[in-house]
PDB file of all heavy atoms in Angstrom:
ATOM      1  N   GLU A   1       0.830  -1.282  -0.024  1.00  0.00           N
ATOM      2  CA  GLU A   1       0.011  -0.006   0.061  1.00  0.00           C
ATOM      3  C   GLU A   1       0.868   1.220   0.041  1.00  0.00           C
ATOM      4  O   GLU A   1       0.476   2.258  -0.563  1.00  0.00           O
ATOM      5  CB  GLU A   1      -0.936   0.010   1.137  1.00  0.00           C
ATOM      6  CG  GLU A   1      -1.867  -1.172   1.381  1.00  0.00           C
ATOM      7  CD  GLU A   1      -1.207  -2.361   2.066  1.00  0.00           C
ATOM      8  OE1 GLU A   1       0.002  -2.254   2.328  1.00  0.00           O
ATOM      9  OE2 GLU A   1      -1.990  -3.279   2.433  1.00  0.00           O
ATOM     10  N   GLY A   2       2.028   1.218   0.580  1.00  0.00           N
ATOM     11  CA  GLY A   2       2.871   2.332   0.671  1.00  0.00           C
ATOM     12  C   GLY A   2       3.620   2.531  -0.571  1.00  0.00           C
ATOM     13  O   GLY A   2       4.095   3.770  -0.841  1.00  0.00           O
ATOM     14  N   ASP A   3       3.878   1.611  -1.444  1.00  0.00           N
ATOM     15  CA  ASP A   3       4.638   1.651  -2.711  1.00  0.00           C
ATOM     16  C   ASP A   3       3.910   0.733  -3.681  1.00  0.00           C
ATOM     17  O   ASP A   3       4.309  -0.386  -3.660  1.00  0.00           O
ATOM     18  CB  ASP A   3       6.113   1.420  -2.439  1.00  0.00           C
ATOM     19  CG  ASP A   3       6.921   1.752  -3.744  1.00  0.00           C
ATOM     20  OD1 ASP A   3       6.310   1.953  -4.756  1.00  0.00           O
ATOM     21  OD2 ASP A   3       8.156   1.780  -3.553  1.00  0.00           O
ATOM     22  N   LEU A   4       3.077   1.283  -4.488  1.00  0.00           N
ATOM     23  CA  LEU A   4       2.404   0.428  -5.459  1.00  0.00           C
ATOM     24  C   LEU A   4       3.242  -0.194  -6.507  1.00  0.00           C
ATOM     25  O   LEU A   4       2.744  -1.128  -7.213  1.00  0.00           O
ATOM     26  CB  LEU A   4       1.266   1.160  -6.130  1.00  0.00           C
ATOM     27  CG  LEU A   4       0.184   1.855  -5.176  1.00  0.00           C
ATOM     28  CD1 LEU A   4      -0.841   2.652  -5.905  1.00  0.00           C
ATOM     29  CD2 LEU A   4      -0.426   0.769  -4.363  1.00  0.00           C
ATOM     30  N   ARG A   5       4.454   0.129  -6.570  1.00  0.00           N
ATOM     31  CA  ARG A   5       5.383  -0.536  -7.569  1.00  0.00           C
ATOM     32  C   ARG A   5       6.030  -1.862  -7.015  1.00  0.00           C
ATOM     33  O   ARG A   5       6.659  -2.558  -7.645  1.00  0.00           O
ATOM     34  CB  ARG A   5       6.490   0.520  -7.915  1.00  0.00           C
ATOM     35  CG  ARG A   5       6.102   1.718  -8.636  1.00  0.00           C
ATOM     36  CD  ARG A   5       7.154   2.797  -8.786  1.00  0.00           C
ATOM     37  NE  ARG A   5       7.671   3.131  -7.500  1.00  0.00           N
ATOM     38  CZ  ARG A   5       8.640   3.942  -7.286  1.00  0.00           C
ATOM     39  NH1 ARG A   5       9.366   4.405  -8.331  1.00  0.00           N
ATOM     40  NH2 ARG A   5       9.071   4.274  -6.059  1.00  0.00           N
ATOM     41  N   LYS A   6       5.773  -2.092  -5.588  1.00  0.00           N
ATOM     42  CA  LYS A   6       6.434  -3.244  -5.062  1.00  0.00           C
ATOM     43  C   LYS A   6       5.392  -4.296  -4.592  1.00  0.00           C
ATOM     44  O   LYS A   6       4.361  -3.908  -4.182  1.00  0.00           O
ATOM     45  CB  LYS A   6       7.234  -2.676  -3.780  1.00  0.00           C
ATOM     46  CG  LYS A   6       8.403  -1.799  -4.114  1.00  0.00           C
ATOM     47  CD  LYS A   6       9.117  -1.242  -2.866  1.00  0.00           C
ATOM     48  CE  LYS A   6       9.640  -2.364  -2.042  1.00  0.00           C
ATOM     49  NZ  LYS A   6      10.254  -1.774  -0.809  1.00  0.00           N
ATOM     50  N   ASN A   7       5.794  -5.495  -4.748  1.00  0.00           N
ATOM     51  CA  ASN A   7       4.970  -6.632  -4.259  1.00  0.00           C
ATOM     52  C   ASN A   7       5.773  -7.374  -3.078  1.00  0.00           C
ATOM     53  O   ASN A   7       6.909  -7.575  -3.152  1.00  0.00           O
ATOM     54  CB  ASN A   7       4.639  -7.584  -5.381  1.00  0.00           C
ATOM     55  CG  ASN A   7       3.721  -7.016  -6.403  1.00  0.00           C
ATOM     56  OD1 ASN A   7       2.925  -6.104  -6.130  1.00  0.00           O
ATOM     57  ND2 ASN A   7       3.805  -7.408  -7.600  1.00  0.00           N
ATOM     58  N   TYR A   8       5.000  -7.876  -2.245  1.00  0.00           N
ATOM     59  CA  TYR A   8       5.594  -8.898  -1.265  1.00  0.00           C
ATOM     60  C   TYR A   8       4.877 -10.137  -1.404  1.00  0.00           C
ATOM     61  O   TYR A   8       3.792 -10.199  -2.007  1.00  0.00           O
ATOM     62  CB  TYR A   8       5.437  -8.370   0.188  1.00  0.00           C
ATOM     63  CG  TYR A   8       4.064  -8.054   0.721  1.00  0.00           C
ATOM     64  CD1 TYR A   8       3.268  -9.030   1.373  1.00  0.00           C
ATOM     65  CD2 TYR A   8       3.485  -6.824   0.611  1.00  0.00           C
ATOM     66  CE1 TYR A   8       2.051  -8.839   1.820  1.00  0.00           C
ATOM     67  CE2 TYR A   8       2.212  -6.570   1.000  1.00  0.00           C
ATOM     68  CZ  TYR A   8       1.433  -7.624   1.649  1.00  0.00           C
ATOM     69  OH  TYR A   8       0.205  -7.374   2.109  1.00  0.00           O
ATOM     70  N   TYR A   9       5.488 -11.281  -0.905  1.00  0.00           N
ATOM     71  CA  TYR A   9       5.024 -12.589  -1.222  1.00  0.00           C
ATOM     72  C   TYR A   9       4.785 -13.408   0.103  1.00  0.00           C
ATOM     73  O   TYR A   9       5.596 -13.428   0.940  1.00  0.00           O
ATOM     74  CB  TYR A   9       5.966 -13.364  -2.065  1.00  0.00           C
ATOM     75  CG  TYR A   9       6.283 -12.655  -3.418  1.00  0.00           C
ATOM     76  CD1 TYR A   9       7.048 -11.502  -3.541  1.00  0.00           C
ATOM     77  CD2 TYR A   9       5.568 -12.937  -4.638  1.00  0.00           C
ATOM     78  CE1 TYR A   9       7.225 -10.901  -4.757  1.00  0.00           C
ATOM     79  CE2 TYR A   9       5.673 -12.356  -5.808  1.00  0.00           C
ATOM     80  CZ  TYR A   9       6.588 -11.309  -5.822  1.00  0.00           C
ATOM     81  OH  TYR A   9       6.749 -10.602  -7.030  1.00  0.00           O
ATOM     82  N   ARG A  10       3.640 -14.159  -0.019  1.00  0.00           N
ATOM     83  CA  ARG A  10       3.328 -14.952   1.217  1.00  0.00           C
ATOM     84  C   ARG A  10       2.293 -16.017   0.712  1.00  0.00           C
ATOM     85  O   ARG A  10       1.662 -15.858  -0.364  1.00  0.00           O
ATOM     86  CB  ARG A  10       2.873 -14.305   2.415  1.00  0.00           C
ATOM     87  CG  ARG A  10       1.605 -13.468   2.330  1.00  0.00           C
ATOM     88  CD  ARG A  10       1.093 -12.942   3.585  1.00  0.00           C
ATOM     89  NE  ARG A  10       2.044 -12.143   4.215  1.00  0.00           N
ATOM     90  CZ  ARG A  10       1.808 -11.052   4.988  1.00  0.00           C
ATOM     91  NH1 ARG A  10       0.577 -10.679   5.165  1.00  0.00           N
ATOM     92  NH2 ARG A  10       2.695 -10.464   5.545  1.00  0.00           N
ATOM     93  N   TYR A  11       2.058 -17.008   1.540  1.00  0.00           N
ATOM     94  CA  TYR A  11       0.890 -18.093   1.223  1.00  0.00           C
ATOM     95  C   TYR A  11      -0.384 -17.333   1.370  1.00  0.00           C
ATOM     96  O   TYR A  11      -0.561 -16.609   2.317  1.00  0.00           O
ATOM     97  CB  TYR A  11       1.110 -19.257   2.105  1.00  0.00           C
ATOM     98  CG  TYR A  11       2.283 -20.081   1.820  1.00  0.00           C
ATOM     99  CD1 TYR A  11       2.887 -20.575   2.831  1.00  0.00           C
ATOM    100  CD2 TYR A  11       2.636 -20.450   0.577  1.00  0.00           C
ATOM    101  CE1 TYR A  11       4.015 -21.471   2.698  1.00  0.00           C
ATOM    102  CE2 TYR A  11       3.675 -21.244   0.343  1.00  0.00           C
ATOM    103  CZ  TYR A  11       4.474 -21.713   1.444  1.00  0.00           C
ATOM    104  OH  TYR A  11       5.476 -22.651   1.181  1.00  0.00           O
ATOM    105  N   SER A  12      -1.418 -17.681   0.550  1.00  0.00           N
ATOM    106  CA  SER A  12      -2.713 -17.187   0.752  1.00  0.00           C
ATOM    107  C   SER A  12      -3.348 -17.853   1.890  1.00  0.00           C
ATOM    108  O   SER A  12      -4.412 -17.336   2.539  1.00  0.00           O
ATOM    109  CB  SER A  12      -3.493 -17.266  -0.555  1.00  0.00           C
ATOM    110  OG  SER A  12      -3.614 -18.669  -0.931  1.00  0.00           O
ATOM    111  N   ASP A  13      -2.961 -19.045   2.222  1.00  0.00           N
ATOM    112  CA  ASP A  13      -3.495 -19.786   3.382  1.00  0.00           C
ATOM    113  C   ASP A  13      -2.482 -19.783   4.487  1.00  0.00           C
ATOM    114  O   ASP A  13      -1.391 -20.312   4.378  1.00  0.00           O
ATOM    115  CB  ASP A  13      -3.751 -21.225   2.965  1.00  0.00           C
ATOM    116  CG  ASP A  13      -4.340 -22.084   4.013  1.00  0.00           C
ATOM    117  OD1 ASP A  13      -4.429 -21.589   5.129  1.00  0.00           O
ATOM    118  OD2 ASP A  13      -4.600 -23.322   3.766  1.00  0.00           O
ATOM    119  N   ALA A  14      -2.779 -19.181   5.640  1.00  0.00           N
ATOM    120  CA  ALA A  14      -1.882 -19.032   6.773  1.00  0.00           C
ATOM    121  C   ALA A  14      -1.479 -20.321   7.312  1.00  0.00           C
ATOM    122  O   ALA A  14      -0.414 -20.398   8.121  1.00  0.00           O
ATOM    123  CB  ALA A  14      -2.484 -18.025   7.771  1.00  0.00           C
ATOM    124  N   ASN A  15      -2.228 -21.337   7.139  1.00  0.00           N
ATOM    125  CA  ASN A  15      -2.017 -22.701   7.850  1.00  0.00           C
ATOM    126  C   ASN A  15      -1.169 -23.593   6.813  1.00  0.00           C
ATOM    127  O   ASN A  15      -0.879 -24.692   7.215  1.00  0.00           O
ATOM    128  CB  ASN A  15      -3.290 -23.324   8.174  1.00  0.00           C
ATOM    129  CG  ASN A  15      -3.957 -22.572   9.244  1.00  0.00           C
ATOM    130  OD1 ASN A  15      -3.394 -22.077  10.215  1.00  0.00           O
ATOM    131  ND2 ASN A  15      -5.371 -22.413   9.096  1.00  0.00           N
ATOM    132  N   TYR A  16      -0.850 -23.102   5.605  1.00  0.00           N
ATOM    133  CA  TYR A  16      -0.279 -23.947   4.614  1.00  0.00           C
ATOM    134  C   TYR A  16       1.259 -24.060   4.947  1.00  0.00           C
ATOM    135  O   TYR A  16       1.928 -23.172   5.373  1.00  0.00           O
ATOM    136  CB  TYR A  16      -0.406 -23.403   3.258  1.00  0.00           C
ATOM    137  CG  TYR A  16       0.308 -24.308   2.167  1.00  0.00           C
ATOM    138  CD1 TYR A  16      -0.370 -25.316   1.612  1.00  0.00           C
ATOM    139  CD2 TYR A  16       1.573 -23.940   1.709  1.00  0.00           C
ATOM    140  CE1 TYR A  16       0.248 -26.044   0.626  1.00  0.00           C
ATOM    141  CE2 TYR A  16       2.215 -24.665   0.739  1.00  0.00           C
ATOM    142  CZ  TYR A  16       1.556 -25.824   0.210  1.00  0.00           C
ATOM    143  OH  TYR A  16       2.182 -26.491  -0.828  1.00  0.00           O
ATOM    144  N   SER A  17       1.841 -25.315   4.728  1.00  0.00           N
ATOM    145  CA  SER A  17       3.172 -25.574   4.785  1.00  0.00           C
ATOM    146  C   SER A  17       3.549 -26.454   3.631  1.00  0.00           C
ATOM    147  O   SER A  17       2.979 -27.407   3.381  1.00  0.00           O
ATOM    148  CB  SER A  17       3.669 -26.274   6.103  1.00  0.00           C
ATOM    149  OG  SER A  17       5.062 -26.609   6.053  1.00  0.00           O
ATOM    150  N   TYR A  18       4.675 -26.005   2.994  1.00  0.00           N
ATOM    151  CA  TYR A  18       5.151 -26.813   1.747  1.00  0.00           C
ATOM    152  C   TYR A  18       5.593 -28.234   2.128  1.00  0.00           C
ATOM    153  O   TYR A  18       5.524 -29.073   1.303  1.00  0.00           O
ATOM    154  CB  TYR A  18       6.249 -26.039   1.129  1.00  0.00           C
ATOM    155  CG  TYR A  18       6.732 -26.558  -0.217  1.00  0.00           C
ATOM    156  CD1 TYR A  18       5.798 -26.256  -1.332  1.00  0.00           C
ATOM    157  CD2 TYR A  18       7.860 -27.261  -0.471  1.00  0.00           C
ATOM    158  CE1 TYR A  18       6.198 -26.692  -2.601  1.00  0.00           C
ATOM    159  CE2 TYR A  18       8.237 -27.654  -1.701  1.00  0.00           C
ATOM    160  CZ  TYR A  18       7.416 -27.397  -2.785  1.00  0.00           C
ATOM    161  OH  TYR A  18       7.689 -27.814  -4.105  1.00  0.00           O
ATOM    162  N   TRP A  19       5.997 -28.409   3.327  1.00  0.00           N
ATOM    163  CA  TRP A  19       6.554 -29.726   3.755  1.00  0.00           C
ATOM    164  C   TRP A  19       5.559 -30.497   4.630  1.00  0.00           C
ATOM    165  O   TRP A  19       5.909 -31.652   5.021  1.00  0.00           O
ATOM    166  CB  TRP A  19       7.822 -29.522   4.594  1.00  0.00           C
ATOM    167  CG  TRP A  19       8.869 -28.683   3.761  1.00  0.00           C
ATOM    168  CD1 TRP A  19       9.211 -27.441   3.930  1.00  0.00           C
ATOM    169  CD2 TRP A  19       9.643 -29.148   2.674  1.00  0.00           C
ATOM    170  NE1 TRP A  19      10.126 -27.067   3.037  1.00  0.00           N
ATOM    171  CE2 TRP A  19      10.437 -28.009   2.151  1.00  0.00           C
ATOM    172  CE3 TRP A  19       9.780 -30.467   2.083  1.00  0.00           C
ATOM    173  CZ2 TRP A  19      11.305 -28.155   1.146  1.00  0.00           C
ATOM    174  CZ3 TRP A  19      10.685 -30.459   1.026  1.00  0.00           C
ATOM    175  CH2 TRP A  19      11.485 -29.372   0.578  1.00  0.00           C
ATOM    176  N   GLU A  20       4.402 -29.972   4.888  1.00  0.00           N
ATOM    177  CA  GLU A  20       3.511 -30.662   5.734  1.00  0.00           C
ATOM    178  C   GLU A  20       2.166 -30.916   5.110  1.00  0.00           C
ATOM    179  O   GLU A  20       1.054 -30.915   5.666  1.00  0.00           O
ATOM    180  CB  GLU A  20       3.317 -29.964   7.059  1.00  0.00           C
ATOM    181  CG  GLU A  20       4.540 -29.819   7.902  1.00  0.00           C
ATOM    182  CD  GLU A  20       4.295 -28.992   9.150  1.00  0.00           C
ATOM    183  OE1 GLU A  20       3.187 -28.645   9.427  1.00  0.00           O
ATOM    184  OE2 GLU A  20       5.297 -28.778   9.884  1.00  0.00           O
ATOM    185  N   LYS A  21       2.171 -31.022   3.741  1.00  0.00           N
ATOM    186  CA  LYS A  21       0.953 -31.270   2.961  1.00  0.00           C
ATOM    187  C   LYS A  21       0.492 -32.771   3.311  1.00  0.00           C
ATOM    188  O   LYS A  21       1.342 -33.702   3.274  1.00  0.00           O
ATOM    189  CB  LYS A  21       1.186 -31.058   1.498  1.00  0.00           C
ATOM    190  CG  LYS A  21       1.722 -29.684   1.152  1.00  0.00           C
ATOM    191  CD  LYS A  21       1.875 -29.504  -0.360  1.00  0.00           C
ATOM    192  CE  LYS A  21       2.861 -30.435  -0.988  1.00  0.00           C
ATOM    193  NZ  LYS A  21       4.197 -30.183  -0.624  1.00  0.00           N
ATOM    194  N   PRO A  22      -0.827 -32.910   3.362  1.00  0.00           N
ATOM    195  CA  PRO A  22      -1.231 -34.355   3.594  1.00  0.00           C
ATOM    196  C   PRO A  22      -1.056 -35.045   2.138  1.00  0.00           C
ATOM    197  O   PRO A  22      -1.133 -34.490   1.083  1.00  0.00           O
ATOM    198  CB  PRO A  22      -2.795 -34.217   3.810  1.00  0.00           C
ATOM    199  CG  PRO A  22      -3.108 -32.794   3.205  1.00  0.00           C
ATOM    200  CD  PRO A  22      -1.950 -31.860   3.469  1.00  0.00           C
ATOM    201  N   ILE A  23      -0.639 -36.359   2.318  1.00  0.00           N
ATOM    202  CA  ILE A  23      -0.376 -37.126   1.088  1.00  0.00           C
ATOM    203  C   ILE A  23      -1.657 -37.511   0.383  1.00  0.00           C
ATOM    204  O   ILE A  23      -2.646 -37.808   1.053  1.00  0.00           O
ATOM    205  CB  ILE A  23       0.518 -38.358   1.424  1.00  0.00           C
ATOM    206  CG1 ILE A  23      -0.155 -39.322   2.338  1.00  0.00           C
ATOM    207  CG2 ILE A  23       1.904 -37.890   1.979  1.00  0.00           C
ATOM    208  CD1 ILE A  23       0.610 -40.618   2.475  1.00  0.00           C
ATOM    209  N   THR A  24      -1.636 -37.634  -0.924  1.00  0.00           N
ATOM    210  CA  THR A  24      -2.888 -38.027  -1.610  1.00  0.00           C
ATOM    211  C   THR A  24      -3.015 -39.482  -1.585  1.00  0.00           C
ATOM    212  O   THR A  24      -2.059 -40.276  -1.203  1.00  0.00           O
ATOM    213  CB  THR A  24      -2.758 -37.508  -3.029  1.00  0.00           C
ATOM    214  OG1 THR A  24      -1.626 -38.190  -3.755  1.00  0.00           O
ATOM    215  CG2 THR A  24      -2.589 -36.039  -3.136  1.00  0.00           C
ATOM    216  N   ASP A  25      -4.088 -40.091  -2.060  1.00  0.00           N
ATOM    217  CA  ASP A  25      -4.292 -41.474  -2.185  1.00  0.00           C
ATOM    218  C   ASP A  25      -3.300 -42.114  -3.077  1.00  0.00           C
ATOM    219  O   ASP A  25      -2.757 -43.255  -2.729  1.00  0.00           O
ATOM    220  CB  ASP A  25      -5.664 -41.794  -2.685  1.00  0.00           C
ATOM    221  CG  ASP A  25      -6.818 -41.462  -1.559  1.00  0.00           C
ATOM    222  OD1 ASP A  25      -6.403 -41.351  -0.471  1.00  0.00           O
ATOM    223  OD2 ASP A  25      -7.892 -41.352  -1.980  1.00  0.00           O
ATOM    224  N   GLN A  26      -2.952 -41.446  -4.231  1.00  0.00           N
ATOM    225  CA  GLN A  26      -2.050 -41.992  -5.214  1.00  0.00           C
ATOM    226  C   GLN A  26      -0.574 -41.982  -4.484  1.00  0.00           C
ATOM    227  O   GLN A  26       0.160 -43.004  -4.692  1.00  0.00           O
ATOM    228  CB  GLN A  26      -2.007 -41.218  -6.425  1.00  0.00           C
ATOM    229  CG  GLN A  26      -1.093 -41.775  -7.484  1.00  0.00           C
ATOM    230  CD  GLN A  26      -1.418 -43.148  -7.850  1.00  0.00           C
ATOM    231  OE1 GLN A  26      -2.604 -43.539  -8.168  1.00  0.00           O
ATOM    232  NE2 GLN A  26      -0.426 -44.027  -7.832  1.00  0.00           N
ATOM    233  N   GLU A  27      -0.249 -40.927  -3.788  1.00  0.00           N
ATOM    234  CA  GLU A  27       1.051 -40.894  -3.124  1.00  0.00           C
ATOM    235  C   GLU A  27       1.107 -42.021  -2.094  1.00  0.00           C
ATOM    236  O   GLU A  27       2.166 -42.530  -1.947  1.00  0.00           O
ATOM    237  CB  GLU A  27       1.253 -39.533  -2.470  1.00  0.00           C
ATOM    238  CG  GLU A  27       1.478 -38.447  -3.517  1.00  0.00           C
ATOM    239  CD  GLU A  27       1.563 -37.063  -2.883  1.00  0.00           C
ATOM    240  OE1 GLU A  27       0.846 -36.786  -1.790  1.00  0.00           O
ATOM    241  OE2 GLU A  27       2.191 -36.106  -3.408  1.00  0.00           O
ATOM    242  N   ARG A  28       0.032 -42.198  -1.417  1.00  0.00           N
ATOM    243  CA  ARG A  28       0.092 -43.345  -0.413  1.00  0.00           C
ATOM    244  C   ARG A  28       0.240 -44.707  -1.096  1.00  0.00           C
ATOM    245  O   ARG A  28       1.052 -45.535  -0.565  1.00  0.00           O
ATOM    246  CB  ARG A  28      -1.319 -43.307   0.380  1.00  0.00           C
ATOM    247  CG  ARG A  28      -1.338 -44.426   1.483  1.00  0.00           C
ATOM    248  CD  ARG A  28      -2.716 -44.244   2.301  1.00  0.00           C
ATOM    249  NE  ARG A  28      -2.756 -42.913   2.942  1.00  0.00           N
ATOM    250  CZ  ARG A  28      -2.212 -42.658   4.157  1.00  0.00           C
ATOM    251  NH1 ARG A  28      -1.633 -43.586   4.858  1.00  0.00           N
ATOM    252  NH2 ARG A  28      -2.447 -41.516   4.680  1.00  0.00           N
ATOM    253  N   LYS A  29      -0.466 -44.909  -2.122  1.00  0.00           N
ATOM    254  CA  LYS A  29      -0.220 -46.108  -3.033  1.00  0.00           C
ATOM    255  C   LYS A  29       1.252 -46.323  -3.466  1.00  0.00           C
ATOM    256  O   LYS A  29       1.865 -47.386  -3.306  1.00  0.00           O
ATOM    257  CB  LYS A  29      -1.063 -46.237  -4.139  1.00  0.00           C
ATOM    258  CG  LYS A  29      -2.620 -46.377  -3.820  1.00  0.00           C
ATOM    259  CD  LYS A  29      -3.485 -46.393  -5.030  1.00  0.00           C
ATOM    260  CE  LYS A  29      -4.997 -46.513  -4.613  1.00  0.00           C
ATOM    261  NZ  LYS A  29      -5.834 -46.437  -5.798  1.00  0.00           N
ATOM    262  N   ASP A  30       1.784 -45.210  -3.889  1.00  0.00           N
ATOM    263  CA  ASP A  30       3.225 -45.199  -4.365  1.00  0.00           C
ATOM    264  C   ASP A  30       4.120 -45.514  -3.224  1.00  0.00           C
ATOM    265  O   ASP A  30       5.160 -46.234  -3.368  1.00  0.00           O
ATOM    266  CB  ASP A  30       3.597 -43.889  -5.005  1.00  0.00           C
ATOM    267  CG  ASP A  30       2.828 -43.607  -6.323  1.00  0.00           C
ATOM    268  OD1 ASP A  30       2.343 -44.595  -6.900  1.00  0.00           O
ATOM    269  OD2 ASP A  30       2.768 -42.407  -6.730  1.00  0.00           O
ATOM    270  N   LEU A  31       3.917 -44.982  -2.063  1.00  0.00           N
ATOM    271  CA  LEU A  31       4.780 -45.149  -0.909  1.00  0.00           C
ATOM    272  C   LEU A  31       4.661 -46.604  -0.393  1.00  0.00           C
ATOM    273  O   LEU A  31       5.682 -47.174  -0.054  1.00  0.00           O
ATOM    274  CB  LEU A  31       4.384 -44.143   0.263  1.00  0.00           C
ATOM    275  CG  LEU A  31       4.873 -42.789   0.204  1.00  0.00           C
ATOM    276  CD1 LEU A  31       4.236 -41.883   1.193  1.00  0.00           C
ATOM    277  CD2 LEU A  31       6.457 -42.729   0.252  1.00  0.00           C
ATOM    278  N   ILE A  32       3.475 -47.162  -0.450  1.00  0.00           N
ATOM    279  CA  ILE A  32       3.323 -48.655  -0.041  1.00  0.00           C
ATOM    280  C   ILE A  32       4.179 -49.564  -1.039  1.00  0.00           C
ATOM    281  O   ILE A  32       4.745 -50.417  -0.633  1.00  0.00           O
ATOM    282  CB  ILE A  32       1.834 -48.987  -0.038  1.00  0.00           C
ATOM    283  CG1 ILE A  32       1.147 -48.267   1.106  1.00  0.00           C
ATOM    284  CG2 ILE A  32       1.672 -50.457   0.002  1.00  0.00           C
ATOM    285  CD1 ILE A  32      -0.353 -48.465   1.140  1.00  0.00           C
ATOM    286  N   GLY A  33       4.078 -49.130  -2.315  1.00  0.00           N
ATOM    287  CA  GLY A  33       4.865 -49.890  -3.378  1.00  0.00           C
ATOM    288  C   GLY A  33       6.323 -49.715  -3.132  1.00  0.00           C
ATOM    289  O   GLY A  33       7.043 -50.715  -3.236  1.00  0.00           O
ATOM    290  N   ALA A  34       6.759 -48.472  -2.725  1.00  0.00           N
ATOM    291  CA  ALA A  34       8.199 -48.292  -2.530  1.00  0.00           C
ATOM    292  C   ALA A  34       8.663 -49.040  -1.279  1.00  0.00           C
ATOM    293  O   ALA A  34       9.742 -49.639  -1.210  1.00  0.00           O
ATOM    294  CB  ALA A  34       8.392 -46.774  -2.370  1.00  0.00           C
ATOM    295  N   MET A  35       7.742 -49.008  -0.195  1.00  0.00           N
ATOM    296  CA  MET A  35       8.107 -49.775   1.030  1.00  0.00           C
ATOM    297  C   MET A  35       8.166 -51.225   0.786  1.00  0.00           C
ATOM    298  O   MET A  35       9.036 -51.981   1.323  1.00  0.00           O
ATOM    299  CB  MET A  35       7.007 -49.504   2.095  1.00  0.00           C
ATOM    300  CG  MET A  35       7.208 -48.053   2.629  1.00  0.00           C
ATOM    301  SD  MET A  35       5.764 -47.683   3.650  1.00  0.00           S
ATOM    302  CE  MET A  35       5.843 -48.838   4.891  1.00  0.00           C
ATOM    303  N   THR A  36       7.292 -51.865   0.005  1.00  0.00           N
ATOM    304  CA  THR A  36       7.307 -53.276  -0.325  1.00  0.00           C
ATOM    305  C   THR A  36       8.562 -53.597  -1.067  1.00  0.00           C
ATOM    306  O   THR A  36       9.187 -54.627  -0.804  1.00  0.00           O
ATOM    307  CB  THR A  36       6.055 -53.591  -1.179  1.00  0.00           C
ATOM    308  OG1 THR A  36       4.902 -53.265  -0.441  1.00  0.00           O
ATOM    309  CG2 THR A  36       6.092 -55.181  -1.630  1.00  0.00           C
ATOM    310  N   THR A  37       9.000 -52.713  -1.975  1.00  0.00           N
ATOM    311  CA  THR A  37      10.340 -53.009  -2.616  1.00  0.00           C
ATOM    312  C   THR A  37      11.469 -52.972  -1.702  1.00  0.00           C
ATOM    313  O   THR A  37      12.427 -53.765  -1.810  1.00  0.00           O
ATOM    314  CB  THR A  37      10.534 -51.989  -3.784  1.00  0.00           C
ATOM    315  OG1 THR A  37       9.411 -52.033  -4.746  1.00  0.00           O
ATOM    316  CG2 THR A  37      11.802 -52.273  -4.538  1.00  0.00           C
ATOM    317  N   LEU A  38      11.508 -51.935  -0.822  1.00  0.00           N
ATOM    318  CA  LEU A  38      12.535 -51.824   0.174  1.00  0.00           C
ATOM    319  C   LEU A  38      12.610 -52.997   1.080  1.00  0.00           C
ATOM    320  O   LEU A  38      13.776 -53.415   1.457  1.00  0.00           O
ATOM    321  CB  LEU A  38      12.319 -50.578   0.997  1.00  0.00           C
ATOM    322  CG  LEU A  38      12.777 -49.148   0.468  1.00  0.00           C
ATOM    323  CD1 LEU A  38      12.388 -47.985   1.330  1.00  0.00           C
ATOM    324  CD2 LEU A  38      14.271 -49.235   0.162  1.00  0.00           C
ATOM    325  N   SER A  39      11.468 -53.488   1.484  1.00  0.00           N
ATOM    326  CA  SER A  39      11.452 -54.729   2.378  1.00  0.00           C
ATOM    327  C   SER A  39      12.171 -55.891   1.788  1.00  0.00           C
ATOM    328  O   SER A  39      12.542 -56.826   2.453  1.00  0.00           O
ATOM    329  CB  SER A  39      10.095 -54.987   2.833  1.00  0.00           C
ATOM    330  OG  SER A  39       9.291 -55.540   1.762  1.00  0.00           O
ATOM    331  N   SER A  40      12.103 -55.866   0.327  1.00  0.00           N
ATOM    332  CA  SER A  40      12.710 -57.068  -0.252  1.00  0.00           C
ATOM    333  C   SER A  40      14.248 -57.038  -0.096  1.00  0.00           C
ATOM    334  O   SER A  40      14.971 -58.124  -0.267  1.00  0.00           O
ATOM    335  CB  SER A  40      12.382 -57.069  -1.781  1.00  0.00           C
ATOM    336  OG  SER A  40      11.020 -57.071  -1.962  1.00  0.00           O
ATOM    337  N   PHE A  41      14.844 -55.904   0.191  1.00  0.00           N
ATOM    338  CA  PHE A  41      16.327 -55.830   0.371  1.00  0.00           C
ATOM    339  C   PHE A  41      16.631 -56.067   1.876  1.00  0.00           C
ATOM    340  O   PHE A  41      17.884 -56.104   2.182  1.00  0.00           O
ATOM    341  CB  PHE A  41      16.757 -54.371  -0.049  1.00  0.00           C
ATOM    342  CG  PHE A  41      16.804 -54.148  -1.552  1.00  0.00           C
ATOM    343  CD1 PHE A  41      15.701 -53.657  -2.153  1.00  0.00           C
ATOM    344  CD2 PHE A  41      17.892 -54.534  -2.365  1.00  0.00           C
ATOM    345  CE1 PHE A  41      15.578 -53.378  -3.452  1.00  0.00           C
ATOM    346  CE2 PHE A  41      17.899 -54.253  -3.628  1.00  0.00           C
ATOM    347  CZ  PHE A  41      16.740 -53.736  -4.289  1.00  0.00           C
ATOM    348  N   SER A  42      15.755 -56.231   2.706  1.00  0.00           N
ATOM    349  CA  SER A  42      15.985 -56.441   4.158  1.00  0.00           C
ATOM    350  C   SER A  42      16.878 -57.613   4.364  1.00  0.00           C
ATOM    351  O   SER A  42      16.693 -58.707   3.911  1.00  0.00           O
ATOM    352  CB  SER A  42      14.631 -56.541   4.974  1.00  0.00           C
ATOM    353  OG  SER A  42      14.964 -56.813   6.250  1.00  0.00           O
ATOM    354  N   GLY A  43      18.016 -57.335   5.063  1.00  0.00           N
ATOM    355  CA  GLY A  43      18.914 -58.521   5.384  1.00  0.00           C
ATOM    356  C   GLY A  43      20.040 -58.660   4.361  1.00  0.00           C
ATOM    357  O   GLY A  43      21.034 -59.258   4.594  1.00  0.00           O
ATOM    358  N   ALA A  44      19.977 -57.935   3.099  1.00  0.00           N
ATOM    359  CA  ALA A  44      21.056 -57.998   2.246  1.00  0.00           C
ATOM    360  C   ALA A  44      22.118 -57.123   2.600  1.00  0.00           C
ATOM    361  O   ALA A  44      21.952 -56.074   3.354  1.00  0.00           O
ATOM    362  CB  ALA A  44      20.489 -57.497   0.906  1.00  0.00           C
TER     363      ALA A  44
END
């Protein structure tokens, strides 16, 4: 408001965090698949 030539930047949602987003159903499925593959290496 004090200088219309300048912009400042922030999230439109005050509760948002780039690193704390809830995972989607597809991301959950992908993680389960990755964990299953990882478990196959257990003991190697």
